[in-house]
Full PDB file with SEQRES, HELIX, SHEET, SSBOND, CRYST1, ORIGX, SCALE, CONECT and MASTER records, all heavy atoms in Angstrom:
SEQRES   1 A   31  TRP PHE HIS LEU MET GLY LYS ASP ARG ALA SER ALA ARG          
SEQRES   2 A   31  THR HIS MET THR VAL ALA LEU PRO GLY ALA THR LYS GLN          
SEQRES   3 A   31  THR THR GLY LEU PRO                                          
HELIX    1 AA1 LYS A   25  THR A   28  1                                   4    
SHEET    1 AA1 2 PHE A   2  MET A   5  0                                        
SHEET    2 AA1 2 ARG A  13  MET A  16 -1                                        
CRYST1    1.000    1.000    1.000  90.00  90.00  90.00 P 1           1          
ORIGX1      1.000000  0.000000  0.000000        0.00000                         
ORIGX2      0.000000  1.000000  0.000000        0.00000                         
ORIGX3      0.000000  0.000000  1.000000        0.00000                         
SCALE1      1.000000  0.000000  0.000000        0.00000                         
SCALE2      0.000000  1.000000  0.000000        0.00000                         
SCALE3      0.000000  0.000000  1.000000        0.00000                         
ATOM      1  N   TRP A   1     -30.561   0.772 -84.683  1.00  0.00           N  
ATOM      2  CA  TRP A   1     -31.483   0.874 -85.819  1.00  0.00           C  
ATOM      3  C   TRP A   1     -31.461  -0.482 -86.517  1.00  0.00           C  
ATOM      4  O   TRP A   1     -30.411  -0.941 -86.980  1.00  0.00           O  
ATOM      5  CB  TRP A   1     -31.017   1.966 -86.783  1.00  0.00           C  
ATOM      6  CG  TRP A   1     -31.012   3.333 -86.162  1.00  0.00           C  
ATOM      7  CD1 TRP A   1     -30.184   3.789 -85.190  1.00  0.00           C  
ATOM      8  CD2 TRP A   1     -31.888   4.411 -86.475  1.00  0.00           C  
ATOM      9  NE1 TRP A   1     -30.493   5.091 -84.883  1.00  0.00           N  
ATOM     10  CE2 TRP A   1     -31.526   5.496 -85.653  1.00  0.00           C  
ATOM     11  CE3 TRP A   1     -32.931   4.567 -87.389  1.00  0.00           C  
ATOM     12  CZ2 TRP A   1     -32.180   6.718 -85.712  1.00  0.00           C  
ATOM     13  CZ3 TRP A   1     -33.571   5.790 -87.436  1.00  0.00           C  
ATOM     14  CH2 TRP A   1     -33.209   6.856 -86.613  1.00  0.00           C  
ATOM     15  N   PHE A   2     -32.610  -1.125 -86.554  1.00  0.00           N  
ATOM     16  CA  PHE A   2     -32.757  -2.430 -87.200  1.00  0.00           C  
ATOM     17  C   PHE A   2     -33.459  -2.222 -88.536  1.00  0.00           C  
ATOM     18  O   PHE A   2     -34.517  -1.586 -88.589  1.00  0.00           O  
ATOM     19  CB  PHE A   2     -33.617  -3.367 -86.338  1.00  0.00           C  
ATOM     20  CG  PHE A   2     -33.081  -3.586 -84.953  1.00  0.00           C  
ATOM     21  CD1 PHE A   2     -33.555  -2.838 -83.884  1.00  0.00           C  
ATOM     22  CD2 PHE A   2     -32.118  -4.558 -84.710  1.00  0.00           C  
ATOM     23  CE1 PHE A   2     -33.091  -3.049 -82.593  1.00  0.00           C  
ATOM     24  CE2 PHE A   2     -31.634  -4.773 -83.424  1.00  0.00           C  
ATOM     25  CZ  PHE A   2     -32.124  -4.010 -82.364  1.00  0.00           C  
ATOM     26  N   HIS A   3     -32.887  -2.757 -89.602  1.00  0.00           N  
ATOM     27  CA  HIS A   3     -33.452  -2.604 -90.943  1.00  0.00           C  
ATOM     28  C   HIS A   3     -33.657  -3.988 -91.569  1.00  0.00           C  
ATOM     29  O   HIS A   3     -32.842  -4.886 -91.375  1.00  0.00           O  
ATOM     30  CB  HIS A   3     -32.504  -1.834 -91.861  1.00  0.00           C  
ATOM     31  CG  HIS A   3     -32.046  -0.526 -91.311  1.00  0.00           C  
ATOM     32  ND1 HIS A   3     -32.699   0.653 -91.551  1.00  0.00           N  
ATOM     33  CD2 HIS A   3     -30.993  -0.214 -90.519  1.00  0.00           C  
ATOM     34  CE1 HIS A   3     -32.065   1.635 -90.945  1.00  0.00           C  
ATOM     35  NE2 HIS A   3     -31.022   1.139 -90.307  1.00  0.00           N  
ATOM     36  N   LEU A   4     -34.709  -4.109 -92.332  1.00  0.00           N  
ATOM     37  CA  LEU A   4     -34.954  -5.284 -93.166  1.00  0.00           C  
ATOM     38  C   LEU A   4     -35.428  -4.722 -94.491  1.00  0.00           C  
ATOM     39  O   LEU A   4     -36.484  -4.083 -94.565  1.00  0.00           O  
ATOM     40  CB  LEU A   4     -36.026  -6.187 -92.529  1.00  0.00           C  
ATOM     41  CG  LEU A   4     -36.381  -7.457 -93.297  1.00  0.00           C  
ATOM     42  CD1 LEU A   4     -35.175  -8.386 -93.402  1.00  0.00           C  
ATOM     43  CD2 LEU A   4     -37.549  -8.169 -92.620  1.00  0.00           C  
ATOM     44  N   MET A   5     -34.611  -4.894 -95.553  1.00  0.00           N  
ATOM     45  CA  MET A   5     -34.933  -4.215 -96.806  1.00  0.00           C  
ATOM     46  C   MET A   5     -34.461  -4.985 -98.026  1.00  0.00           C  
ATOM     47  O   MET A   5     -33.524  -5.770 -97.949  1.00  0.00           O  
ATOM     48  CB  MET A   5     -34.316  -2.830 -96.805  1.00  0.00           C  
ATOM     49  CG  MET A   5     -32.827  -2.820 -96.597  1.00  0.00           C  
ATOM     50  SD  MET A   5     -32.277  -1.186 -96.109  1.00  0.00           S  
ATOM     51  CE  MET A   5     -30.691  -1.594 -95.443  1.00  0.00           C  
ATOM     52  N   GLY A   6     -35.143  -4.716 -99.136  1.00  0.00           N  
ATOM     53  CA  GLY A   6     -34.787  -5.341-100.396  1.00  0.00           C  
ATOM     54  C   GLY A   6     -35.852  -5.106-101.449  1.00  0.00           C  
ATOM     55  O   GLY A   6     -36.792  -4.337-101.240  1.00  0.00           O  
ATOM     56  N   LYS A   7     -35.700  -5.805-102.576  1.00  0.00           N  
ATOM     57  CA  LYS A   7     -36.674  -5.619-103.657  1.00  0.00           C  
ATOM     58  C   LYS A   7     -38.020  -6.250-103.320  1.00  0.00           C  
ATOM     59  O   LYS A   7     -39.050  -5.871-103.850  1.00  0.00           O  
ATOM     60  CB  LYS A   7     -36.142  -6.150-104.984  1.00  0.00           C  
ATOM     61  CG  LYS A   7     -35.885  -7.629-105.010  1.00  0.00           C  
ATOM     62  CD  LYS A   7     -35.381  -8.102-106.357  1.00  0.00           C  
ATOM     63  CE  LYS A   7     -35.172  -9.604-106.258  1.00  0.00           C  
ATOM     64  NZ  LYS A   7     -35.322 -10.305-107.460  1.00  0.00           N  
ATOM     65  N   ASP A   8     -38.013  -7.225-102.395  1.00  0.00           N  
ATOM     66  CA  ASP A   8     -39.237  -7.850-101.904  1.00  0.00           C  
ATOM     67  C   ASP A   8     -38.930  -8.549-100.581  1.00  0.00           C  
ATOM     68  O   ASP A   8     -37.769  -8.624-100.166  1.00  0.00           O  
ATOM     69  CB  ASP A   8     -39.827  -8.830-102.924  1.00  0.00           C  
ATOM     70  CG  ASP A   8     -38.838  -9.893-103.370  1.00  0.00           C  
ATOM     71  OD1 ASP A   8     -38.026 -10.362-102.534  1.00  0.00           O  
ATOM     72  OD2 ASP A   8     -38.873 -10.270-104.548  1.00  0.00           O  
ATOM     73  N   ARG A   9     -39.956  -9.039 -99.945  1.00  0.00           N  
ATOM     74  CA  ARG A   9     -39.767  -9.668 -98.633  1.00  0.00           C  
ATOM     75  C   ARG A   9     -38.863 -10.896 -98.718  1.00  0.00           C  
ATOM     76  O   ARG A   9     -38.028 -11.133 -97.849  1.00  0.00           O  
ATOM     77  CB  ARG A   9     -41.133 -10.043 -98.048  1.00  0.00           C  
ATOM     78  CG  ARG A   9     -41.056 -10.611 -96.672  1.00  0.00           C  
ATOM     79  CD  ARG A   9     -42.442 -10.802 -96.106  1.00  0.00           C  
ATOM     80  NE  ARG A   9     -42.391 -11.503 -94.836  1.00  0.00           N  
ATOM     81  CZ  ARG A   9     -43.422 -11.736 -94.074  1.00  0.00           C  
ATOM     82  NH1 ARG A   9     -44.607 -11.314 -94.444  1.00  0.00           N  
ATOM     83  NH2 ARG A   9     -43.289 -12.379 -92.944  1.00  0.00           N  
ATOM     84  N   ALA A  10     -39.011 -11.660 -99.780  1.00  0.00           N  
ATOM     85  CA  ALA A  10     -38.237 -12.896 -99.920  1.00  0.00           C  
ATOM     86  C   ALA A  10     -36.734 -12.640-100.030  1.00  0.00           C  
ATOM     87  O   ALA A  10     -35.929 -13.436 -99.566  1.00  0.00           O  
ATOM     88  CB  ALA A  10     -38.731 -13.683-101.121  1.00  0.00           C  
ATOM     89  N   SER A  11     -36.344 -11.523-100.649  1.00  0.00           N  
ATOM     90  CA  SER A  11     -34.920 -11.240-100.844  1.00  0.00           C  
ATOM     91  C   SER A  11     -34.385 -10.167 -99.890  1.00  0.00           C  
ATOM     92  O   SER A  11     -33.244  -9.733-100.028  1.00  0.00           O  
ATOM     93  CB  SER A  11     -34.666 -10.811-102.290  1.00  0.00           C  
ATOM     94  OG  SER A  11     -35.334  -9.582-102.552  1.00  0.00           O  
ATOM     95  N   ALA A  12     -35.205  -9.745 -98.944  1.00  0.00           N  
ATOM     96  CA  ALA A  12     -34.790  -8.682 -98.021  1.00  0.00           C  
ATOM     97  C   ALA A  12     -33.596  -9.124 -97.171  1.00  0.00           C  
ATOM     98  O   ALA A  12     -33.466 -10.289 -96.825  1.00  0.00           O  
ATOM     99  CB  ALA A  12     -35.961  -8.299 -97.126  1.00  0.00           C  
ATOM    100  N   ARG A  13     -32.743  -8.157 -96.861  1.00  0.00           N  
ATOM    101  CA  ARG A  13     -31.579  -8.439 -96.022  1.00  0.00           C  
ATOM    102  C   ARG A  13     -31.660  -7.594 -94.766  1.00  0.00           C  
ATOM    103  O   ARG A  13     -32.284  -6.531 -94.751  1.00  0.00           O  
ATOM    104  CB  ARG A  13     -30.281  -8.170 -96.765  1.00  0.00           C  
ATOM    105  CG  ARG A  13     -30.055  -6.715 -97.099  1.00  0.00           C  
ATOM    106  CD  ARG A  13     -28.698  -6.483 -97.779  1.00  0.00           C  
ATOM    107  NE  ARG A  13     -28.462  -5.076 -98.002  1.00  0.00           N  
ATOM    108  CZ  ARG A  13     -27.947  -4.230 -97.114  1.00  0.00           C  
ATOM    109  NH1 ARG A  13     -27.623  -4.645 -95.920  1.00  0.00           N  
ATOM    110  NH2 ARG A  13     -27.758  -2.965 -97.406  1.00  0.00           N  
ATOM    111  N   THR A  14     -31.028  -8.069 -93.724  1.00  0.00           N  
ATOM    112  CA  THR A  14     -31.005  -7.318 -92.472  1.00  0.00           C  
ATOM    113  C   THR A  14     -29.775  -6.422 -92.435  1.00  0.00           C  
ATOM    114  O   THR A  14     -28.754  -6.707 -93.056  1.00  0.00           O  
ATOM    115  CB  THR A  14     -30.981  -8.267 -91.254  1.00  0.00           C  
ATOM    116  OG1 THR A  14     -29.812  -9.079 -91.337  1.00  0.00           O  
ATOM    117  CG2 THR A  14     -32.218  -9.134 -91.195  1.00  0.00           C  
ATOM    118  N   HIS A  15     -29.893  -5.352 -91.707  1.00  0.00           N  
ATOM    119  CA  HIS A  15     -28.797  -4.408 -91.525  1.00  0.00           C  
ATOM    120  C   HIS A  15     -29.029  -3.743 -90.167  1.00  0.00           C  
ATOM    121  O   HIS A  15     -30.162  -3.408 -89.829  1.00  0.00           O  
ATOM    122  CB  HIS A  15     -28.815  -3.375 -92.655  1.00  0.00           C  
ATOM    123  CG  HIS A  15     -27.746  -2.340 -92.551  1.00  0.00           C  
ATOM    124  ND1 HIS A  15     -26.407  -2.638 -92.622  1.00  0.00           N  
ATOM    125  CD2 HIS A  15     -27.832  -1.000 -92.381  1.00  0.00           C  
ATOM    126  CE1 HIS A  15     -25.708  -1.514 -92.510  1.00  0.00           C  
ATOM    127  NE2 HIS A  15     -26.547  -0.516 -92.354  1.00  0.00           N  
ATOM    128  N   MET A  16     -27.972  -3.582 -89.404  1.00  0.00           N  
ATOM    129  CA  MET A  16     -28.103  -2.989 -88.082  1.00  0.00           C  
ATOM    130  C   MET A  16     -26.994  -1.958 -87.881  1.00  0.00           C  
ATOM    131  O   MET A  16     -25.844  -2.200 -88.256  1.00  0.00           O  
ATOM    132  CB  MET A  16     -28.005  -4.095 -87.026  1.00  0.00           C  
ATOM    133  CG  MET A  16     -28.200  -3.637 -85.623  1.00  0.00           C  
ATOM    134  SD  MET A  16     -28.280  -4.997 -84.430  1.00  0.00           S  
ATOM    135  CE  MET A  16     -26.786  -5.883 -84.742  1.00  0.00           C  
ATOM    136  N   THR A  17     -27.368  -0.816 -87.324  1.00  0.00           N  
ATOM    137  CA  THR A  17     -26.391   0.210 -86.989  1.00  0.00           C  
ATOM    138  C   THR A  17     -26.664   0.693 -85.562  1.00  0.00           C  
ATOM    139  O   THR A  17     -27.755   0.500 -85.025  1.00  0.00           O  
ATOM    140  CB  THR A  17     -26.463   1.421 -87.949  1.00  0.00           C  
ATOM    141  OG1 THR A  17     -27.762   2.013 -87.876  1.00  0.00           O  
ATOM    142  CG2 THR A  17     -26.163   1.015 -89.381  1.00  0.00           C  
ATOM    143  N   VAL A  18     -25.659   1.344 -84.967  1.00  0.00           N  
ATOM    144  CA  VAL A  18     -25.802   1.910 -83.629  1.00  0.00           C  
ATOM    145  C   VAL A  18     -25.469   3.398 -83.730  1.00  0.00           C  
ATOM    146  O   VAL A  18     -24.380   3.769 -84.174  1.00  0.00           O  
ATOM    147  CB  VAL A  18     -24.853   1.220 -82.619  1.00  0.00           C  
ATOM    148  CG1 VAL A  18     -25.000   1.844 -81.236  1.00  0.00           C  
ATOM    149  CG2 VAL A  18     -25.116  -0.280 -82.571  1.00  0.00           C  
ATOM    150  N   ALA A  19     -26.421   4.233 -83.330  1.00  0.00           N  
ATOM    151  CA  ALA A  19     -26.237   5.686 -83.402  1.00  0.00           C  
ATOM    152  C   ALA A  19     -25.197   6.141 -82.379  1.00  0.00           C  
ATOM    153  O   ALA A  19     -25.296   5.819 -81.196  1.00  0.00           O  
ATOM    154  CB  ALA A  19     -27.562   6.395 -83.152  1.00  0.00           C  
ATOM    155  N   LEU A  20     -24.197   6.880 -82.863  1.00  0.00           N  
ATOM    156  CA  LEU A  20     -23.145   7.436 -82.006  1.00  0.00           C  
ATOM    157  C   LEU A  20     -22.902   8.892 -82.405  1.00  0.00           C  
ATOM    158  O   LEU A  20     -21.813   9.248 -82.855  1.00  0.00           O  
ATOM    159  CB  LEU A  20     -21.846   6.628 -82.160  1.00  0.00           C  
ATOM    160  CG  LEU A  20     -21.893   5.145 -81.831  1.00  0.00           C  
ATOM    161  CD1 LEU A  20     -20.574   4.457 -82.186  1.00  0.00           C  
ATOM    162  CD2 LEU A  20     -22.222   4.937 -80.360  1.00  0.00           C  
ATOM    163  N   PRO A  21     -23.921   9.768 -82.270  1.00  0.00           N  
ATOM    164  CA  PRO A  21     -23.749  11.147 -82.740  1.00  0.00           C  
ATOM    165  C   PRO A  21     -22.501  11.803 -82.147  1.00  0.00           C  
ATOM    166  O   PRO A  21     -22.250  11.710 -80.951  1.00  0.00           O  
ATOM    167  CB  PRO A  21     -25.027  11.851 -82.274  1.00  0.00           C  
ATOM    168  CG  PRO A  21     -25.705  10.926 -81.328  1.00  0.00           C  
ATOM    169  CD  PRO A  21     -25.176   9.556 -81.577  1.00  0.00           C  
ATOM    170  N   GLY A  22     -21.724  12.409 -83.046  1.00  0.00           N  
ATOM    171  CA  GLY A  22     -20.499  13.096 -82.649  1.00  0.00           C  
ATOM    172  C   GLY A  22     -19.282  12.214 -82.501  1.00  0.00           C  
ATOM    173  O   GLY A  22     -18.166  12.702 -82.331  1.00  0.00           O  
ATOM    174  N   ALA A  23     -19.449  10.907 -82.570  1.00  0.00           N  
ATOM    175  CA  ALA A  23     -18.343   9.981 -82.344  1.00  0.00           C  
ATOM    176  C   ALA A  23     -17.285  10.051 -83.438  1.00  0.00           C  
ATOM    177  O   ALA A  23     -17.585  10.307 -84.604  1.00  0.00           O  
ATOM    178  CB  ALA A  23     -18.875   8.555 -82.225  1.00  0.00           C  
ATOM    179  N   THR A  24     -16.046   9.808 -83.026  1.00  0.00           N  
ATOM    180  CA  THR A  24     -14.906   9.742 -83.950  1.00  0.00           C  
ATOM    181  C   THR A  24     -14.015   8.582 -83.510  1.00  0.00           C  
ATOM    182  O   THR A  24     -14.231   7.983 -82.449  1.00  0.00           O  
ATOM    183  CB  THR A  24     -14.071  11.042 -83.898  1.00  0.00           C  
ATOM    184  OG1 THR A  24     -13.509  11.161 -82.586  1.00  0.00           O  
ATOM    185  CG2 THR A  24     -14.896  12.269 -84.256  1.00  0.00           C  
ATOM    186  N   LYS A  25     -12.984   8.333 -84.292  1.00  0.00           N  
ATOM    187  CA  LYS A  25     -12.006   7.312 -83.920  1.00  0.00           C  
ATOM    188  C   LYS A  25     -11.361   7.676 -82.579  1.00  0.00           C  
ATOM    189  O   LYS A  25     -11.145   6.826 -81.726  1.00  0.00           O  
ATOM    190  CB  LYS A  25     -10.935   7.189 -85.012  1.00  0.00           C  
ATOM    191  CG  LYS A  25      -9.878   6.158 -84.697  1.00  0.00           C  
ATOM    192  CD  LYS A  25      -8.865   6.050 -85.817  1.00  0.00           C  
ATOM    193  CE  LYS A  25      -7.835   4.991 -85.469  1.00  0.00           C  
ATOM    194  NZ  LYS A  25      -6.894   4.770 -86.558  1.00  0.00           N  
ATOM    195  N   GLN A  26     -11.100   8.952 -82.396  1.00  0.00           N  
ATOM    196  CA  GLN A  26     -10.451   9.414 -81.176  1.00  0.00           C  
ATOM    197  C   GLN A  26     -11.337   9.216 -79.938  1.00  0.00           C  
ATOM    198  O   GLN A  26     -10.853   8.935 -78.857  1.00  0.00           O  
ATOM    199  CB  GLN A  26     -10.064  10.893 -81.287  1.00  0.00           C  
ATOM    200  CG  GLN A  26      -8.963  11.178 -82.286  1.00  0.00           C  
ATOM    201  CD  GLN A  26      -9.432  11.071 -83.745  1.00  0.00           C  
ATOM    202  OE1 GLN A  26     -10.596  11.294 -84.077  1.00  0.00           O  
ATOM    203  NE2 GLN A  26      -8.512  10.696 -84.629  1.00  0.00           N  
ATOM    204  N   THR A  27     -12.649   9.364 -80.087  1.00  0.00           N  
ATOM    205  CA  THR A  27     -13.535   9.254 -78.921  1.00  0.00           C  
ATOM    206  C   THR A  27     -13.985   7.821 -78.639  1.00  0.00           C  
ATOM    207  O   THR A  27     -14.434   7.534 -77.529  1.00  0.00           O  
ATOM    208  CB  THR A  27     -14.792  10.140 -79.087  1.00  0.00           C  
ATOM    209  OG1 THR A  27     -15.556   9.699 -80.206  1.00  0.00           O  
ATOM    210  CG2 THR A  27     -14.412  11.603 -79.220  1.00  0.00           C  
ATOM    211  N   THR A  28     -13.867   6.939 -79.619  1.00  0.00           N  
ATOM    212  CA  THR A  28     -14.363   5.567 -79.425  1.00  0.00           C  
ATOM    213  C   THR A  28     -13.309   4.481 -79.578  1.00  0.00           C  
ATOM    214  O   THR A  28     -13.498   3.380 -79.084  1.00  0.00           O  
ATOM    215  CB  THR A  28     -15.476   5.237 -80.441  1.00  0.00           C  
ATOM    216  OG1 THR A  28     -14.913   5.263 -81.760  1.00  0.00           O  
ATOM    217  CG2 THR A  28     -16.643   6.191 -80.325  1.00  0.00           C  
ATOM    218  N   GLY A  29     -12.259   4.790 -80.322  1.00  0.00           N  
ATOM    219  CA  GLY A  29     -11.266   3.762 -80.622  1.00  0.00           C  
ATOM    220  C   GLY A  29     -11.655   2.905 -81.812  1.00  0.00           C  
ATOM    221  O   GLY A  29     -10.870   2.063 -82.260  1.00  0.00           O  
ATOM    222  N   LEU A  30     -12.841   3.115 -82.359  1.00  0.00           N  
ATOM    223  CA  LEU A  30     -13.271   2.360 -83.540  1.00  0.00           C  
ATOM    224  C   LEU A  30     -12.702   2.990 -84.803  1.00  0.00           C  
ATOM    225  O   LEU A  30     -12.617   4.220 -84.905  1.00  0.00           O  
ATOM    226  CB  LEU A  30     -14.801   2.342 -83.638  1.00  0.00           C  
ATOM    227  CG  LEU A  30     -15.530   1.529 -82.580  1.00  0.00           C  
ATOM    228  CD1 LEU A  30     -17.033   1.812 -82.643  1.00  0.00           C  
ATOM    229  CD2 LEU A  30     -15.270   0.048 -82.772  1.00  0.00           C  
ATOM    230  N   PRO A  31     -12.340   2.192 -85.783  1.00  0.00           N  
ATOM    231  CA  PRO A  31     -11.829   2.754 -87.032  1.00  0.00           C  
ATOM    232  C   PRO A  31     -12.913   3.503 -87.793  1.00  0.00           C  
ATOM    233  O   PRO A  31     -14.102   3.255 -87.595  1.00  0.00           O  
ATOM    234  CB  PRO A  31     -11.346   1.529 -87.806  1.00  0.00           C  
ATOM    235  CG  PRO A  31     -12.101   0.384 -87.238  1.00  0.00           C  
ATOM    236  CD  PRO A  31     -12.392   0.728 -85.815  1.00  0.00           C  
TER     237      PRO A  31                                                      
MASTER        0    0    0    1    2    0    0    6  236    1    0    3          
END                                                                             
């Protein structure tokens, strides 16, 4: 999921996430 958001285009910031439905620390090793 790619996001570009903010109060306006000039101040927008990027944010990226990866969907891992059901994932936990035990299933992925990620904290």
